[in-house]
Structure formats: C-alpha cells, structure tokens
Amino acid sequence: MPLKRYVTEMGMGVDVHGGDYTKAAKRAVSDAIRHSSLNFFTHMNKSRDEMQIIVKIGAAKPDSVNLEAVAAQLPYGTVSVESEHGGLDIPSENGADLMVIVNAAVLVCFDE
C-alpha cells in the first residue's frame, strides 16, 4: 500500500558547545513535535500506533547523527530516520569549539 502524508512538522535544534550532531538532531525533532496534538485518529478509524513516521534530518555531517537515538524521540508509530547534508556549523572564534544547527522534518503518514 502507498503511504499518504497527513502531517508535516519542521524543527530546528542546536548544540551550542561541543558539536554533537545527535543532540542537535534530537532537539530539532523535539522542536518539531512539541507544539502538535494530533486529534484525527478517531475520525480516520486509525490508531497512533499505525502512524508511519519519516524523520528527515539535515546536518553538516549527516553520518555523525545517531539515527536510533533520534528515532527514540518519537513515542508512537513506526519511525524511520534519514540524515542528509544540510544544517549549519559555526566554529568558535578561536576554532576550539563548534556550534551545530540541525534541521528536522517529521512526516506523519498512513498506509492507504
């Protein structure tokens, strides 16, 4: 069955010190979902566990993101996480520290 997208949420996360891409990605997912309340399940005769959630992460070093740790930020549904090049790295003035900014898109889909 093809997936049909019902919700798209966007978020941004930052690790201000230390250059931790996973921490920034988890914060981006939290930012994307913390203002949402999905109330359409009963109208669709679906449960929250039937959600197919696709998380797209944009980070300057996509291979540095722990995808399982990011997926664990979402308590319901089946979650898949993809990381690709994006975001922004900002080195400190002396180059001794790194601020990383990561973007997330959380897509909520159902099999139709």
N, C-alpha and C. Protein backbone atom coordinates (compact mmCIF):
# COMPACT_ATOMS: atom_id res chain seq x y z
N MET A 1 0.84 -1.19 0.00
CA MET A 1 0.00 0.00 0.00
C MET A 1 0.88 1.25 0.00
N PRO A 2 0.47 2.25 -0.75
CA PRO A 2 1.25 3.50 -0.73
C PRO A 2 0.98 4.30 0.55
N LEU A 3 1.99 5.05 0.96
CA LEU A 3 1.83 5.93 2.12
C LEU A 3 1.22 7.25 1.68
N LYS A 4 0.33 7.77 2.52
CA LYS A 4 -0.25 9.09 2.28
C LYS A 4 0.14 9.98 3.45
N ARG A 5 0.73 11.13 3.16
CA ARG A 5 1.18 12.05 4.20
C ARG A 5 0.01 12.89 4.70
N TYR A 6 -0.10 12.98 6.03
CA TYR A 6 -1.14 13.78 6.67
C TYR A 6 -0.59 14.97 7.43
N VAL A 7 0.62 14.87 7.94
CA VAL A 7 1.19 15.94 8.76
C VAL A 7 2.64 16.13 8.37
N THR A 8 3.06 17.39 8.28
CA THR A 8 4.47 17.74 8.12
C THR A 8 4.80 18.78 9.18
N GLU A 9 5.75 18.45 10.03
CA GLU A 9 6.21 19.38 11.06
C GLU A 9 7.69 19.64 10.85
N MET A 10 8.13 20.88 11.09
CA MET A 10 9.53 21.24 10.94
C MET A 10 10.09 21.72 12.26
N GLY A 11 11.38 21.46 12.47
CA GLY A 11 12.02 21.92 13.69
C GLY A 11 13.49 22.19 13.48
N MET A 12 14.06 22.92 14.43
CA MET A 12 15.48 23.23 14.42
C MET A 12 16.05 22.93 15.79
N GLY A 13 17.23 22.36 15.83
CA GLY A 13 17.90 22.08 17.09
C GLY A 13 19.35 22.51 17.03
N VAL A 14 19.87 22.92 18.17
CA VAL A 14 21.24 23.43 18.23
C VAL A 14 21.98 22.77 19.39
N ASP A 15 23.21 22.36 19.14
CA ASP A 15 24.13 22.05 20.23
C ASP A 15 25.12 23.21 20.25
N VAL A 16 25.00 24.05 21.27
CA VAL A 16 25.75 25.30 21.32
C VAL A 16 27.25 25.06 21.54
N HIS A 17 27.60 24.05 22.31
CA HIS A 17 29.00 23.75 22.57
C HIS A 17 29.24 22.26 22.40
N GLY A 18 30.27 21.91 21.67
CA GLY A 18 30.65 20.51 21.60
C GLY A 18 30.43 19.84 20.26
N GLY A 19 29.66 20.43 19.38
CA GLY A 19 29.48 19.86 18.05
C GLY A 19 28.80 18.50 18.02
N ASP A 20 27.82 18.27 18.88
CA ASP A 20 27.13 16.98 18.95
C ASP A 20 25.92 17.00 18.00
N TYR A 21 26.08 16.37 16.85
CA TYR A 21 25.02 16.37 15.84
C TYR A 21 23.79 15.61 16.29
N THR A 22 23.97 14.54 17.04
CA THR A 22 22.82 13.78 17.53
C THR A 22 22.02 14.60 18.52
N LYS A 23 22.69 15.29 19.44
CA LYS A 23 21.97 16.14 20.40
C LYS A 23 21.18 17.22 19.67
N ALA A 24 21.78 17.85 18.68
CA ALA A 24 21.08 18.88 17.92
C ALA A 24 19.91 18.28 17.14
N ALA A 25 20.08 17.08 16.57
CA ALA A 25 19.00 16.43 15.82
C ALA A 25 17.84 16.07 16.74
N LYS A 26 18.13 15.56 17.94
CA LYS A 26 17.07 15.24 18.89
C LYS A 26 16.31 16.50 19.28
N ARG A 27 17.02 17.59 19.47
CA ARG A 27 16.36 18.86 19.79
C ARG A 27 15.51 19.36 18.63
N ALA A 28 15.96 19.13 17.41
CA ALA A 28 15.18 19.54 16.24
C ALA A 28 13.87 18.76 16.15
N VAL A 29 13.93 17.45 16.43
CA VAL A 29 12.71 16.64 16.42
C VAL A 29 11.77 17.08 17.54
N SER A 30 12.32 17.32 18.71
CA SER A 30 11.51 17.81 19.83
C SER A 30 10.84 19.13 19.47
N ASP A 31 11.59 20.02 18.84
CA ASP A 31 11.03 21.31 18.42
C ASP A 31 9.89 21.10 17.42
N ALA A 32 10.04 20.14 16.54
CA ALA A 32 9.02 19.88 15.52
C ALA A 32 7.72 19.34 16.12
N ILE A 33 7.81 18.52 17.15
CA ILE A 33 6.60 17.84 17.64
C ILE A 33 6.00 18.44 18.90
N ARG A 34 6.70 19.28 19.61
CA ARG A 34 6.20 19.68 20.92
C ARG A 34 5.00 20.63 20.88
N HIS A 35 4.71 21.19 19.73
CA HIS A 35 3.56 22.09 19.62
C HIS A 35 2.39 21.43 18.89
N SER A 36 2.46 20.12 18.72
CA SER A 36 1.44 19.41 17.96
C SER A 36 0.57 18.55 18.87
N SER A 37 -0.68 18.45 18.49
CA SER A 37 -1.59 17.49 19.11
C SER A 37 -2.42 16.91 17.97
N LEU A 38 -2.17 15.66 17.67
CA LEU A 38 -2.86 15.02 16.55
C LEU A 38 -4.16 14.41 17.05
N ASN A 39 -5.26 14.97 16.58
CA ASN A 39 -6.57 14.57 17.07
C ASN A 39 -7.44 13.90 16.01
N PHE A 40 -6.87 13.49 14.91
CA PHE A 40 -7.67 12.97 13.82
C PHE A 40 -7.78 11.47 13.79
N PHE A 41 -7.18 10.77 14.73
CA PHE A 41 -7.16 9.31 14.68
C PHE A 41 -8.56 8.70 14.68
N THR A 42 -9.42 9.13 15.58
CA THR A 42 -10.76 8.54 15.65
C THR A 42 -11.57 8.85 14.39
N HIS A 43 -11.35 10.01 13.79
CA HIS A 43 -12.09 10.39 12.57
C HIS A 43 -11.67 9.53 11.38
N MET A 44 -10.45 8.99 11.45
CA MET A 44 -9.93 8.17 10.36
C MET A 44 -10.00 6.67 10.66
N ASN A 45 -10.51 6.33 11.84
CA ASN A 45 -10.51 4.94 12.28
C ASN A 45 -9.10 4.35 12.28
N LYS A 46 -8.15 5.15 12.77
CA LYS A 46 -6.74 4.75 12.87
C LYS A 46 -6.30 4.91 14.32
N SER A 47 -5.19 4.27 14.65
CA SER A 47 -4.59 4.47 15.97
C SER A 47 -3.23 5.15 15.79
N ARG A 48 -2.75 5.72 16.86
CA ARG A 48 -1.45 6.40 16.79
C ARG A 48 -0.32 5.42 16.50
N ASP A 49 -0.53 4.16 16.83
CA ASP A 49 0.49 3.15 16.56
C ASP A 49 0.56 2.77 15.09
N GLU A 50 -0.45 3.14 14.31
CA GLU A 50 -0.44 2.86 12.87
C GLU A 50 0.34 3.90 12.07
N MET A 51 0.75 4.97 12.72
CA MET A 51 1.50 6.01 12.02
C MET A 51 2.80 5.46 11.47
N GLN A 52 3.12 5.86 10.28
CA GLN A 52 4.42 5.62 9.67
C GLN A 52 5.11 6.99 9.69
N ILE A 53 6.10 7.15 10.53
CA ILE A 53 6.74 8.45 10.71
C ILE A 53 8.10 8.43 10.03
N ILE A 54 8.28 9.38 9.14
CA ILE A 54 9.56 9.54 8.45
C ILE A 54 10.19 10.82 8.98
N VAL A 55 11.39 10.72 9.51
CA VAL A 55 12.11 11.89 10.00
C VAL A 55 13.27 12.14 9.05
N LYS A 56 13.31 13.35 8.53
CA LYS A 56 14.41 13.76 7.66
C LYS A 56 15.25 14.78 8.41
N ILE A 57 16.53 14.47 8.56
CA ILE A 57 17.46 15.31 9.30
C ILE A 57 18.43 15.95 8.31
N GLY A 58 18.67 17.24 8.48
CA GLY A 58 19.67 17.95 7.70
C GLY A 58 20.79 18.40 8.62
N ALA A 59 21.99 17.84 8.43
CA ALA A 59 23.14 18.17 9.27
C ALA A 59 24.37 18.29 8.39
N ALA A 60 25.29 19.16 8.80
CA ALA A 60 26.51 19.35 8.03
C ALA A 60 27.32 18.06 7.93
N LYS A 61 27.25 17.22 8.95
CA LYS A 61 27.90 15.90 8.93
C LYS A 61 26.82 14.84 9.18
N PRO A 62 26.07 14.49 8.15
CA PRO A 62 24.93 13.58 8.33
C PRO A 62 25.32 12.21 8.90
N ASP A 63 26.50 11.73 8.63
CA ASP A 63 26.92 10.44 9.15
C ASP A 63 27.23 10.48 10.64
N SER A 64 27.28 11.68 11.23
CA SER A 64 27.55 11.82 12.67
C SER A 64 26.29 11.77 13.52
N VAL A 65 25.13 11.62 12.89
CA VAL A 65 23.85 11.57 13.61
C VAL A 65 23.52 10.12 13.94
N ASN A 66 23.26 9.83 15.20
CA ASN A 66 22.82 8.50 15.64
C ASN A 66 21.33 8.39 15.34
N LEU A 67 20.99 7.67 14.28
CA LEU A 67 19.60 7.61 13.80
C LEU A 67 18.68 6.93 14.80
N GLU A 68 19.16 5.92 15.51
CA GLU A 68 18.32 5.24 16.51
C GLU A 68 17.98 6.17 17.67
N ALA A 69 18.95 6.97 18.09
CA ALA A 69 18.70 7.91 19.19
C ALA A 69 17.68 8.96 18.78
N VAL A 70 17.72 9.39 17.54
CA VAL A 70 16.74 10.36 17.04
C VAL A 70 15.36 9.72 16.97
N ALA A 71 15.29 8.49 16.46
CA ALA A 71 14.00 7.79 16.35
C ALA A 71 13.35 7.61 17.72
N ALA A 72 14.16 7.44 18.75
CA ALA A 72 13.63 7.22 20.10
C ALA A 72 12.91 8.46 20.65
N GLN A 73 13.02 9.59 20.00
CA GLN A 73 12.33 10.80 20.44
C GLN A 73 10.84 10.76 20.17
N LEU A 74 10.42 9.82 19.33
CA LEU A 74 9.01 9.72 18.94
C LEU A 74 8.40 8.48 19.60
N PRO A 75 7.39 8.69 20.45
CA PRO A 75 6.89 7.58 21.27
C PRO A 75 5.90 6.65 20.58
N TYR A 76 5.38 7.01 19.43
CA TYR A 76 4.34 6.21 18.78
C TYR A 76 4.69 5.97 17.33
N GLY A 77 4.06 4.96 16.77
CA GLY A 77 4.21 4.68 15.35
C GLY A 77 5.49 3.95 15.02
N THR A 78 5.64 3.67 13.74
CA THR A 78 6.86 3.09 13.21
C THR A 78 7.69 4.23 12.65
N VAL A 79 8.91 4.36 13.16
CA VAL A 79 9.74 5.54 12.84
C VAL A 79 10.95 5.13 12.01
N SER A 80 11.17 5.87 10.93
CA SER A 80 12.41 5.73 10.17
C SER A 80 13.06 7.11 10.10
N VAL A 81 14.38 7.12 10.17
CA VAL A 81 15.12 8.39 10.18
C VAL A 81 16.15 8.37 9.05
N GLU A 82 16.19 9.45 8.31
CA GLU A 82 17.17 9.63 7.23
C GLU A 82 17.95 10.90 7.54
N SER A 83 19.24 10.85 7.34
CA SER A 83 20.08 12.03 7.57
C SER A 83 20.78 12.39 6.27
N GLU A 84 20.70 13.66 5.92
CA GLU A 84 21.34 14.13 4.69
C GLU A 84 22.06 15.44 4.95
N HIS A 85 22.82 15.87 3.96
CA HIS A 85 23.60 17.10 4.13
C HIS A 85 22.68 18.31 4.24
N GLY A 86 22.93 19.13 5.24
CA GLY A 86 22.15 20.35 5.47
C GLY A 86 22.65 21.00 6.75
N GLY A 87 21.80 21.77 7.38
CA GLY A 87 22.17 22.40 8.64
C GLY A 87 23.29 23.41 8.49
N LEU A 88 23.96 23.67 9.61
CA LEU A 88 24.99 24.71 9.61
C LEU A 88 25.95 24.46 10.76
N ASP A 89 27.24 24.57 10.48
CA ASP A 89 28.28 24.52 11.50
C ASP A 89 28.84 25.92 11.71
N ILE A 90 29.00 26.29 12.98
CA ILE A 90 29.56 27.60 13.31
C ILE A 90 30.71 27.38 14.29
N PRO A 91 31.96 27.46 13.81
CA PRO A 91 33.08 27.29 14.71
C PRO A 91 33.23 28.52 15.61
N SER A 92 33.78 28.29 16.81
CA SER A 92 34.05 29.43 17.69
C SER A 92 35.15 30.29 17.07
N GLU A 93 35.29 31.48 17.60
CA GLU A 93 36.25 32.43 17.05
C GLU A 93 37.67 31.88 17.03
N ASN A 94 38.02 31.12 18.06
CA ASN A 94 39.38 30.57 18.12
C ASN A 94 39.45 29.16 17.54
N GLY A 95 38.31 28.61 17.07
CA GLY A 95 38.28 27.29 16.46
C GLY A 95 38.30 26.13 17.44
N ALA A 96 38.23 26.43 18.74
CA ALA A 96 38.31 25.37 19.76
C ALA A 96 36.96 24.71 20.04
N ASP A 97 35.86 25.30 19.58
CA ASP A 97 34.53 24.78 19.87
C ASP A 97 33.69 24.87 18.60
N LEU A 98 32.61 24.12 18.58
CA LEU A 98 31.76 24.10 17.40
C LEU A 98 30.30 24.11 17.81
N MET A 99 29.54 25.03 17.23
CA MET A 99 28.08 25.07 17.37
C MET A 99 27.51 24.43 16.11
N VAL A 100 26.58 23.48 16.31
CA VAL A 100 25.94 22.85 15.16
C VAL A 100 24.44 23.11 15.19
N ILE A 101 23.91 23.42 14.03
CA ILE A 101 22.48 23.64 13.86
C ILE A 101 21.98 22.56 12.91
N VAL A 102 20.93 21.85 13.35
CA VAL A 102 20.37 20.74 12.58
C VAL A 102 18.89 21.03 12.36
N ASN A 103 18.41 20.70 11.17
CA ASN A 103 17.00 20.83 10.84
C ASN A 103 16.36 19.46 10.80
N ALA A 104 15.06 19.42 11.13
CA ALA A 104 14.31 18.17 11.06
C ALA A 104 12.95 18.42 10.42
N ALA A 105 12.52 17.46 9.61
CA ALA A 105 11.16 17.41 9.12
C ALA A 105 10.58 16.09 9.59
N VAL A 106 9.43 16.16 10.25
CA VAL A 106 8.75 14.97 10.75
C VAL A 106 7.49 14.79 9.90
N LEU A 107 7.44 13.70 9.17
CA LEU A 107 6.33 13.43 8.25
C LEU A 107 5.49 12.29 8.82
N VAL A 108 4.21 12.54 9.04
CA VAL A 108 3.31 11.53 9.58
C VAL A 108 2.46 11.00 8.43
N CYS A 109 2.58 9.70 8.19
CA CYS A 109 1.89 9.06 7.07
C CYS A 109 1.10 7.85 7.56
N PHE A 110 0.16 7.43 6.74
CA PHE A 110 -0.59 6.20 6.99
C PHE A 110 -0.64 5.41 5.69
N ASP A 111 -0.67 4.08 5.83
CA ASP A 111 -0.90 3.23 4.67
C ASP A 111 -2.33 3.47 4.19
N GLU A 112 -2.49 3.66 2.92
CA GLU A 112 -3.81 3.89 2.34
C GLU A 112 -4.11 2.83 1.30
